[in-house]
Amino acid sequence: MDDIDCATERSEVFTGAALKAVLGRMAGPISSGVCQSCQDTIEPERLRANPRARLCAGCAAEEEASRLRRRRCGPLD
């Protein structure tokens, strides 16, 4: 197997895993409309875009920033 075939196979596996993860999230329950982190109501625009949102926009942004920081720097223990 040459490098191009190997890269193509890796790309297909990654795409398949990403698609499976998205479909799994879409199969979850509809949001209650209350942020699981801060207990505020989730913005109506956000719920229209993603009826399964579990966090408000502010908490989702904080969680994403934290996730990116952990990916770059490792866990802060």
C-alpha atoms as a PDB file:
ATOM      1  CA  MET A   1       0.000   0.000   0.000  1.00  0.00           C
ATOM      2  CA  ASP A   2       1.505   3.327  -0.972  1.00  0.00           C
ATOM      3  CA  ASP A   3       1.252   6.617   0.937  1.00  0.00           C
ATOM      4  CA  ILE A   4      -1.713   7.914  -1.047  1.00  0.00           C
ATOM      5  CA  ASP A   5      -3.747   4.759  -0.433  1.00  0.00           C
ATOM      6  CA  CYS A   6      -2.871   4.881   3.258  1.00  0.00           C
ATOM      7  CA  ALA A   7      -3.864   8.558   3.518  1.00  0.00           C
ATOM      8  CA  THR A   8      -7.118   7.894   1.671  1.00  0.00           C
ATOM      9  CA  GLU A   9      -7.959   5.014   3.981  1.00  0.00           C
ATOM     10  CA  ARG A  10      -7.205   7.128   7.076  1.00  0.00           C
ATOM     11  CA  SER A  11      -9.349   9.942   5.729  1.00  0.00           C
ATOM     12  CA  GLU A  12     -12.279   7.576   5.110  1.00  0.00           C
ATOM     13  CA  VAL A  13     -11.998   6.128   8.626  1.00  0.00           C
ATOM     14  CA  PHE A  14     -11.854   9.605  10.162  1.00  0.00           C
ATOM     15  CA  THR A  15     -14.834  10.822   8.112  1.00  0.00           C
ATOM     16  CA  GLY A  16     -16.821   7.735   9.074  1.00  0.00           C
ATOM     17  CA  ALA A  17     -16.058   8.211  12.770  1.00  0.00           C
ATOM     18  CA  ALA A  18     -16.972  11.911  12.618  1.00  0.00           C
ATOM     19  CA  LEU A  19     -20.232  11.128  10.840  1.00  0.00           C
ATOM     20  CA  LYS A  20     -21.093   8.455  13.398  1.00  0.00           C
ATOM     21  CA  ALA A  21     -20.437  10.916  16.250  1.00  0.00           C
ATOM     22  CA  VAL A  22     -22.677  13.580  14.697  1.00  0.00           C
ATOM     23  CA  LEU A  23     -25.479  11.123  14.030  1.00  0.00           C
ATOM     24  CA  GLY A  24     -25.191   9.867  17.604  1.00  0.00           C
ATOM     25  CA  ARG A  25     -25.597  13.398  18.950  1.00  0.00           C
ATOM     26  CA  MET A  26     -28.575  13.983  16.677  1.00  0.00           C
ATOM     27  CA  ALA A  27     -30.282  10.878  18.046  1.00  0.00           C
ATOM     28  CA  GLY A  28     -30.266  12.287  21.566  1.00  0.00           C
ATOM     29  CA  PRO A  29     -33.249  13.816  23.325  1.00  0.00           C
ATOM     30  CA  ILE A  30     -34.605  17.260  22.493  1.00  0.00           C
ATOM     31  CA  SER A  31     -33.199  19.997  24.740  1.00  0.00           C
ATOM     32  CA  SER A  32     -35.134  21.074  27.811  1.00  0.00           C
ATOM     33  CA  GLY A  33     -34.241  24.686  26.961  1.00  0.00           C
ATOM     34  CA  VAL A  34     -32.233  25.078  30.172  1.00  0.00           C
ATOM     35  CA  CYS A  35     -28.414  25.222  30.132  1.00  0.00           C
ATOM     36  CA  GLN A  36     -26.942  22.253  31.997  1.00  0.00           C
ATOM     37  CA  SER A  37     -24.027  24.379  33.170  1.00  0.00           C
ATOM     38  CA  CYS A  38     -25.452  27.715  34.361  1.00  0.00           C
ATOM     39  CA  GLN A  39     -29.172  26.865  34.512  1.00  0.00           C
ATOM     40  CA  ASP A  40     -30.105  29.904  32.354  1.00  0.00           C
ATOM     41  CA  THR A  41     -32.440  29.489  29.406  1.00  0.00           C
ATOM     42  CA  ILE A  42     -30.842  28.550  26.115  1.00  0.00           C
ATOM     43  CA  GLU A  43     -31.276  31.193  23.433  1.00  0.00           C
ATOM     44  CA  PRO A  44     -34.255  30.507  21.110  1.00  0.00           C
ATOM     45  CA  GLU A  45     -32.052  31.076  18.030  1.00  0.00           C
ATOM     46  CA  ARG A  46     -29.651  28.427  19.300  1.00  0.00           C
ATOM     47  CA  LEU A  47     -32.490  25.954  19.871  1.00  0.00           C
ATOM     48  CA  ARG A  48     -33.849  26.606  16.374  1.00  0.00           C
ATOM     49  CA  ALA A  49     -30.408  25.837  14.943  1.00  0.00           C
ATOM     50  CA  ASN A  50     -29.809  22.858  17.245  1.00  0.00           C
ATOM     51  CA  PRO A  51     -32.888  21.509  19.064  1.00  0.00           C
ATOM     52  CA  ARG A  52     -30.631  19.197  21.089  1.00  0.00           C
ATOM     53  CA  ALA A  53     -28.368  21.942  22.485  1.00  0.00           C
ATOM     54  CA  ARG A  54     -27.555  21.310  26.135  1.00  0.00           C
ATOM     55  CA  LEU A  55     -25.589  24.514  26.794  1.00  0.00           C
ATOM     56  CA  CYS A  56     -26.312  28.207  26.234  1.00  0.00           C
ATOM     57  CA  ALA A  57     -24.044  30.068  23.795  1.00  0.00           C
ATOM     58  CA  GLY A  58     -21.809  31.478  26.544  1.00  0.00           C
ATOM     59  CA  CYS A  59     -21.260  28.147  28.285  1.00  0.00           C
ATOM     60  CA  ALA A  60     -20.750  26.373  24.953  1.00  0.00           C
ATOM     61  CA  ALA A  61     -18.056  28.917  24.019  1.00  0.00           C
ATOM     62  CA  GLU A  62     -16.329  28.417  27.399  1.00  0.00           C
ATOM     63  CA  GLU A  63     -16.458  24.630  27.032  1.00  0.00           C
ATOM     64  CA  GLU A  64     -15.018  24.810  23.503  1.00  0.00           C
ATOM     65  CA  ALA A  65     -12.210  27.146  24.635  1.00  0.00           C
ATOM     66  CA  SER A  66     -11.421  24.774  27.498  1.00  0.00           C
ATOM     67  CA  ARG A  67     -11.419  21.789  25.144  1.00  0.00           C
ATOM     68  CA  LEU A  68      -9.024  23.565  22.752  1.00  0.00           C
ATOM     69  CA  ARG A  69      -6.756  24.597  25.638  1.00  0.00           C
ATOM     70  CA  ARG A  70      -6.613  20.985  26.934  1.00  0.00           C
ATOM     71  CA  ARG A  71      -5.843  19.721  23.433  1.00  0.00           C
ATOM     72  CA  ARG A  72      -2.958  22.185  23.061  1.00  0.00           C
ATOM     73  CA  CYS A  73      -1.586  22.220  26.600  1.00  0.00           C
ATOM     74  CA  GLY A  74      -2.815  19.029  28.213  1.00  0.00           C
ATOM     75  CA  PRO A  75      -5.001  18.818  31.310  1.00  0.00           C
ATOM     76  CA  LEU A  76      -4.433  21.442  34.006  1.00  0.00           C
ATOM     77  CA  ASP A  77      -4.241  19.319  37.154  1.00  0.00           C
END
